[in-house]
Amino acid sequence: LIANPAAVHNKGTGAGTRYVDEDLNRCFLKSTLYNKNTSSGSEQTVEARRAKEIDSLLGPKSSDNPACDFILDLHNTTSNTGPVLCLHPEDEFAMKVVRIKNWLT
Protein backbone atom coordinates (compact mmCIF):
# COMPACT_ATOMS: atom_id res chain seq x y z
CA LEU A 1 0.00 0.00 0.00
CA ILE A 2 1.45 3.33 -0.99
CA ALA A 3 -0.05 5.66 1.55
CA ASN A 4 0.26 8.91 -0.34
CA PRO A 5 0.43 8.31 -4.11
CA ALA A 6 -0.31 11.98 -4.83
CA ALA A 7 2.89 12.99 -2.99
CA VAL A 8 4.84 10.29 -4.82
CA HIS A 9 3.56 11.73 -8.07
CA ASN A 10 4.55 15.24 -6.96
CA LYS A 11 8.04 14.04 -6.08
CA GLY A 12 8.34 12.47 -9.53
CA THR A 13 7.67 15.86 -11.06
CA GLY A 14 10.56 17.38 -9.15
CA ALA A 15 8.45 19.01 -6.42
CA GLY A 16 10.41 17.06 -3.78
CA THR A 17 7.67 16.97 -1.14
CA ARG A 18 6.51 14.13 1.06
CA TYR A 19 2.95 15.42 1.10
CA VAL A 20 0.66 17.60 -0.98
CA ASP A 21 -1.36 19.60 1.58
CA GLU A 22 -0.51 18.28 5.06
CA ASP A 23 1.33 15.49 6.83
CA LEU A 24 -0.69 12.29 6.28
CA ASN A 25 0.35 10.98 9.71
CA ARG A 26 -1.58 13.83 11.33
CA CYS A 27 -4.82 12.88 9.54
CA PHE A 28 -5.61 9.70 11.49
CA LEU A 29 -7.22 11.27 14.56
CA LYS A 30 -10.69 9.84 15.12
CA SER A 31 -12.06 13.38 15.26
CA THR A 32 -10.76 13.98 11.72
CA LEU A 33 -11.54 10.56 10.26
CA TYR A 34 -15.17 10.47 11.36
CA ASN A 35 -16.13 14.13 11.18
CA LYS A 36 -19.06 14.36 8.76
CA ASN A 37 -18.58 18.12 8.41
CA THR A 38 -16.60 18.56 5.19
CA SER A 39 -16.68 22.34 5.20
CA SER A 40 -13.38 22.77 7.05
CA GLY A 41 -10.16 22.92 5.09
CA SER A 42 -8.55 19.88 6.72
CA GLU A 43 -11.17 17.44 5.45
CA GLN A 44 -10.68 18.73 1.92
CA THR A 45 -6.96 18.01 1.75
CA VAL A 46 -5.54 15.21 -0.38
CA GLU A 47 -4.11 13.58 2.73
CA ALA A 48 -7.32 13.79 4.79
CA ARG A 49 -9.25 12.07 1.99
CA ARG A 50 -6.51 9.43 1.67
CA ALA A 51 -6.53 8.81 5.44
CA LYS A 52 -10.25 8.05 5.23
CA GLU A 53 -9.63 5.64 2.33
CA ILE A 54 -6.86 3.85 4.25
CA ASP A 55 -9.01 3.69 7.37
CA SER A 56 -11.82 2.05 5.40
CA LEU A 57 -9.36 -0.51 3.96
CA LEU A 58 -7.45 -1.38 7.14
CA GLY A 59 -9.73 -0.30 9.94
CA PRO A 60 -11.95 1.19 10.80
CA LYS A 61 -9.83 2.65 13.57
CA SER A 62 -12.82 2.83 15.90
CA SER A 63 -13.74 -0.83 15.38
CA ASP A 64 -13.27 -3.67 17.84
CA ASN A 65 -12.65 -5.86 14.77
CA PRO A 66 -10.48 -3.95 12.29
CA ALA A 67 -9.71 -5.44 8.87
CA CYS A 68 -6.07 -6.04 9.86
CA ASP A 69 -4.30 -6.98 13.07
CA PHE A 70 -1.10 -5.01 12.75
CA ILE A 71 0.15 -2.14 10.60
CA LEU A 72 3.84 -1.65 9.97
CA ASP A 73 4.37 1.92 8.82
CA LEU A 74 7.70 2.29 7.02
CA HIS A 75 9.30 5.69 6.57
CA ASN A 76 12.51 7.02 5.16
CA THR A 77 14.44 9.96 6.50
CA THR A 78 17.16 12.32 5.48
CA SER A 79 18.55 12.22 9.04
CA ASN A 80 21.45 9.93 9.84
CA THR A 81 19.63 8.15 12.66
CA GLY A 82 20.22 4.53 11.76
CA PRO A 83 17.34 2.07 12.23
CA VAL A 84 14.56 3.35 14.49
CA LEU A 85 11.50 1.51 15.78
CA CYS A 86 8.68 3.52 17.34
CA LEU A 87 5.72 1.86 19.00
CA HIS A 88 3.20 2.59 21.68
CA PRO A 89 4.24 0.99 25.00
CA GLU A 90 0.63 0.01 25.76
CA ASP A 91 0.23 -1.93 22.47
CA GLU A 92 0.59 -5.47 23.81
CA PHE A 93 0.75 -7.11 20.39
CA ALA A 94 3.50 -4.78 19.15
CA MET A 95 5.49 -5.34 22.31
CA LYS A 96 5.22 -9.13 21.87
CA VAL A 97 6.44 -8.91 18.27
CA VAL A 98 9.39 -6.77 19.32
CA ARG A 99 10.32 -9.17 22.13
CA ILE A 100 9.99 -12.25 19.90
CA LYS A 101 12.30 -10.66 17.35
CA ASN A 102 14.70 -9.56 20.12
CA TRP A 103 14.48 -5.96 18.95
CA LEU A 104 13.96 -4.81 22.51
CA THR A 105 15.91 -6.02 25.49
C-alpha atoms as a PDB file:
ATOM      1  CA  LEU A   1       0.000   0.000   0.000  1.00  0.00           C
ATOM      2  CA  ILE A   2       1.454   3.333  -0.986  1.00  0.00           C
ATOM      3  CA  ALA A   3      -0.052   5.657   1.550  1.00  0.00           C
ATOM      4  CA  ASN A   4       0.262   8.908  -0.337  1.00  0.00           C
ATOM      5  CA  PRO A   5       0.430   8.308  -4.110  1.00  0.00           C
ATOM      6  CA  ALA A   6      -0.311  11.983  -4.826  1.00  0.00           C
ATOM      7  CA  ALA A   7       2.886  12.995  -2.993  1.00  0.00           C
ATOM      8  CA  VAL A   8       4.844  10.287  -4.815  1.00  0.00           C
ATOM      9  CA  HIS A   9       3.558  11.726  -8.074  1.00  0.00           C
ATOM     10  CA  ASN A  10       4.555  15.243  -6.961  1.00  0.00           C
ATOM     11  CA  LYS A  11       8.044  14.044  -6.084  1.00  0.00           C
ATOM     12  CA  GLY A  12       8.342  12.467  -9.535  1.00  0.00           C
ATOM     13  CA  THR A  13       7.671  15.863 -11.057  1.00  0.00           C
ATOM     14  CA  GLY A  14      10.565  17.384  -9.148  1.00  0.00           C
ATOM     15  CA  ALA A  15       8.450  19.010  -6.420  1.00  0.00           C
ATOM     16  CA  GLY A  16      10.407  17.065  -3.785  1.00  0.00           C
ATOM     17  CA  THR A  17       7.669  16.974  -1.139  1.00  0.00           C
ATOM     18  CA  ARG A  18       6.509  14.133   1.062  1.00  0.00           C
ATOM     19  CA  TYR A  19       2.948  15.420   1.102  1.00  0.00           C
ATOM     20  CA  VAL A  20       0.663  17.602  -0.984  1.00  0.00           C
ATOM     21  CA  ASP A  21      -1.360  19.596   1.576  1.00  0.00           C
ATOM     22  CA  GLU A  22      -0.510  18.284   5.058  1.00  0.00           C
ATOM     23  CA  ASP A  23       1.331  15.487   6.829  1.00  0.00           C
ATOM     24  CA  LEU A  24      -0.689  12.288   6.276  1.00  0.00           C
ATOM     25  CA  ASN A  25       0.350  10.981   9.709  1.00  0.00           C
ATOM     26  CA  ARG A  26      -1.580  13.833  11.328  1.00  0.00           C
ATOM     27  CA  CYS A  27      -4.824  12.876   9.541  1.00  0.00           C
ATOM     28  CA  PHE A  28      -5.614   9.704  11.489  1.00  0.00           C
ATOM     29  CA  LEU A  29      -7.220  11.266  14.555  1.00  0.00           C
ATOM     30  CA  LYS A  30     -10.691   9.844  15.117  1.00  0.00           C
ATOM     31  CA  SER A  31     -12.060  13.382  15.256  1.00  0.00           C
ATOM     32  CA  THR A  32     -10.756  13.977  11.722  1.00  0.00           C
ATOM     33  CA  LEU A  33     -11.545  10.559  10.258  1.00  0.00           C
ATOM     34  CA  TYR A  34     -15.171  10.471  11.356  1.00  0.00           C
ATOM     35  CA  ASN A  35     -16.131  14.133  11.179  1.00  0.00           C
ATOM     36  CA  LYS A  36     -19.065  14.364   8.760  1.00  0.00           C
ATOM     37  CA  ASN A  37     -18.580  18.123   8.405  1.00  0.00           C
ATOM     38  CA  THR A  38     -16.601  18.559   5.188  1.00  0.00           C
ATOM     39  CA  SER A  39     -16.676  22.343   5.201  1.00  0.00           C
ATOM     40  CA  SER A  40     -13.381  22.766   7.049  1.00  0.00           C
ATOM     41  CA  GLY A  41     -10.162  22.924   5.094  1.00  0.00           C
ATOM     42  CA  SER A  42      -8.548  19.885   6.718  1.00  0.00           C
ATOM     43  CA  GLU A  43     -11.174  17.442   5.447  1.00  0.00           C
ATOM     44  CA  GLN A  44     -10.680  18.727   1.924  1.00  0.00           C
ATOM     45  CA  THR A  45      -6.956  18.006   1.747  1.00  0.00           C
ATOM     46  CA  VAL A  46      -5.538  15.209  -0.383  1.00  0.00           C
ATOM     47  CA  GLU A  47      -4.106  13.578   2.730  1.00  0.00           C
ATOM     48  CA  ALA A  48      -7.316  13.790   4.785  1.00  0.00           C
ATOM     49  CA  ARG A  49      -9.249  12.075   1.992  1.00  0.00           C
ATOM     50  CA  ARG A  50      -6.515   9.429   1.673  1.00  0.00           C
ATOM     51  CA  ALA A  51      -6.530   8.811   5.442  1.00  0.00           C
ATOM     52  CA  LYS A  52     -10.253   8.051   5.232  1.00  0.00           C
ATOM     53  CA  GLU A  53      -9.626   5.637   2.332  1.00  0.00           C
ATOM     54  CA  ILE A  54      -6.862   3.845   4.249  1.00  0.00           C
ATOM     55  CA  ASP A  55      -9.013   3.688   7.369  1.00  0.00           C
ATOM     56  CA  SER A  56     -11.822   2.052   5.401  1.00  0.00           C
ATOM     57  CA  LEU A  57      -9.358  -0.509   3.964  1.00  0.00           C
ATOM     58  CA  LEU A  58      -7.445  -1.376   7.142  1.00  0.00           C
ATOM     59  CA  GLY A  59      -9.726  -0.297   9.942  1.00  0.00           C
ATOM     60  CA  PRO A  60     -11.947   1.192  10.799  1.00  0.00           C
ATOM     61  CA  LYS A  61      -9.831   2.654  13.569  1.00  0.00           C
ATOM     62  CA  SER A  62     -12.820   2.832  15.902  1.00  0.00           C
ATOM     63  CA  SER A  63     -13.742  -0.830  15.383  1.00  0.00           C
ATOM     64  CA  ASP A  64     -13.267  -3.670  17.837  1.00  0.00           C
ATOM     65  CA  ASN A  65     -12.653  -5.859  14.769  1.00  0.00           C
ATOM     66  CA  PRO A  66     -10.485  -3.952  12.286  1.00  0.00           C
ATOM     67  CA  ALA A  67      -9.706  -5.443   8.874  1.00  0.00           C
ATOM     68  CA  CYS A  68      -6.068  -6.043   9.859  1.00  0.00           C
ATOM     69  CA  ASP A  69      -4.304  -6.979  13.071  1.00  0.00           C
ATOM     70  CA  PHE A  70      -1.103  -5.006  12.754  1.00  0.00           C
ATOM     71  CA  ILE A  71       0.149  -2.140  10.604  1.00  0.00           C
ATOM     72  CA  LEU A  72       3.839  -1.648   9.966  1.00  0.00           C
ATOM     73  CA  ASP A  73       4.368   1.925   8.816  1.00  0.00           C
ATOM     74  CA  LEU A  74       7.703   2.295   7.023  1.00  0.00           C
ATOM     75  CA  HIS A  75       9.305   5.693   6.574  1.00  0.00           C
ATOM     76  CA  ASN A  76      12.506   7.017   5.162  1.00  0.00           C
ATOM     77  CA  THR A  77      14.440   9.956   6.504  1.00  0.00           C
ATOM     78  CA  THR A  78      17.159  12.323   5.485  1.00  0.00           C
ATOM     79  CA  SER A  79      18.547  12.215   9.039  1.00  0.00           C
ATOM     80  CA  ASN A  80      21.453   9.934   9.835  1.00  0.00           C
ATOM     81  CA  THR A  81      19.629   8.146  12.661  1.00  0.00           C
ATOM     82  CA  GLY A  82      20.216   4.529  11.765  1.00  0.00           C
ATOM     83  CA  PRO A  83      17.340   2.067  12.226  1.00  0.00           C
ATOM     84  CA  VAL A  84      14.558   3.353  14.488  1.00  0.00           C
ATOM     85  CA  LEU A  85      11.504   1.509  15.781  1.00  0.00           C
ATOM     86  CA  CYS A  86       8.681   3.515  17.341  1.00  0.00           C
ATOM     87  CA  LEU A  87       5.717   1.863  18.998  1.00  0.00           C
ATOM     88  CA  HIS A  88       3.199   2.585  21.679  1.00  0.00           C
ATOM     89  CA  PRO A  89       4.235   0.985  24.999  1.00  0.00           C
ATOM     90  CA  GLU A  90       0.634   0.009  25.756  1.00  0.00           C
ATOM     91  CA  ASP A  91       0.234  -1.926  22.472  1.00  0.00           C
ATOM     92  CA  GLU A  92       0.592  -5.468  23.812  1.00  0.00           C
ATOM     93  CA  PHE A  93       0.755  -7.110  20.390  1.00  0.00           C
ATOM     94  CA  ALA A  94       3.499  -4.776  19.145  1.00  0.00           C
ATOM     95  CA  MET A  95       5.493  -5.337  22.312  1.00  0.00           C
ATOM     96  CA  LYS A  96       5.215  -9.128  21.867  1.00  0.00           C
ATOM     97  CA  VAL A  97       6.436  -8.906  18.273  1.00  0.00           C
ATOM     98  CA  VAL A  98       9.389  -6.767  19.324  1.00  0.00           C
ATOM     99  CA  ARG A  99      10.322  -9.167  22.133  1.00  0.00           C
ATOM    100  CA  ILE A 100       9.990 -12.246  19.903  1.00  0.00           C
ATOM    101  CA  LYS A 101      12.296 -10.660  17.346  1.00  0.00           C
ATOM    102  CA  ASN A 102      14.701  -9.565  20.123  1.00  0.00           C
ATOM    103  CA  TRP A 103      14.481  -5.961  18.951  1.00  0.00           C
ATOM    104  CA  LEU A 104      13.960  -4.815  22.514  1.00  0.00           C
ATOM    105  CA  THR A 105      15.914  -6.019  25.494  1.00  0.00           C
END
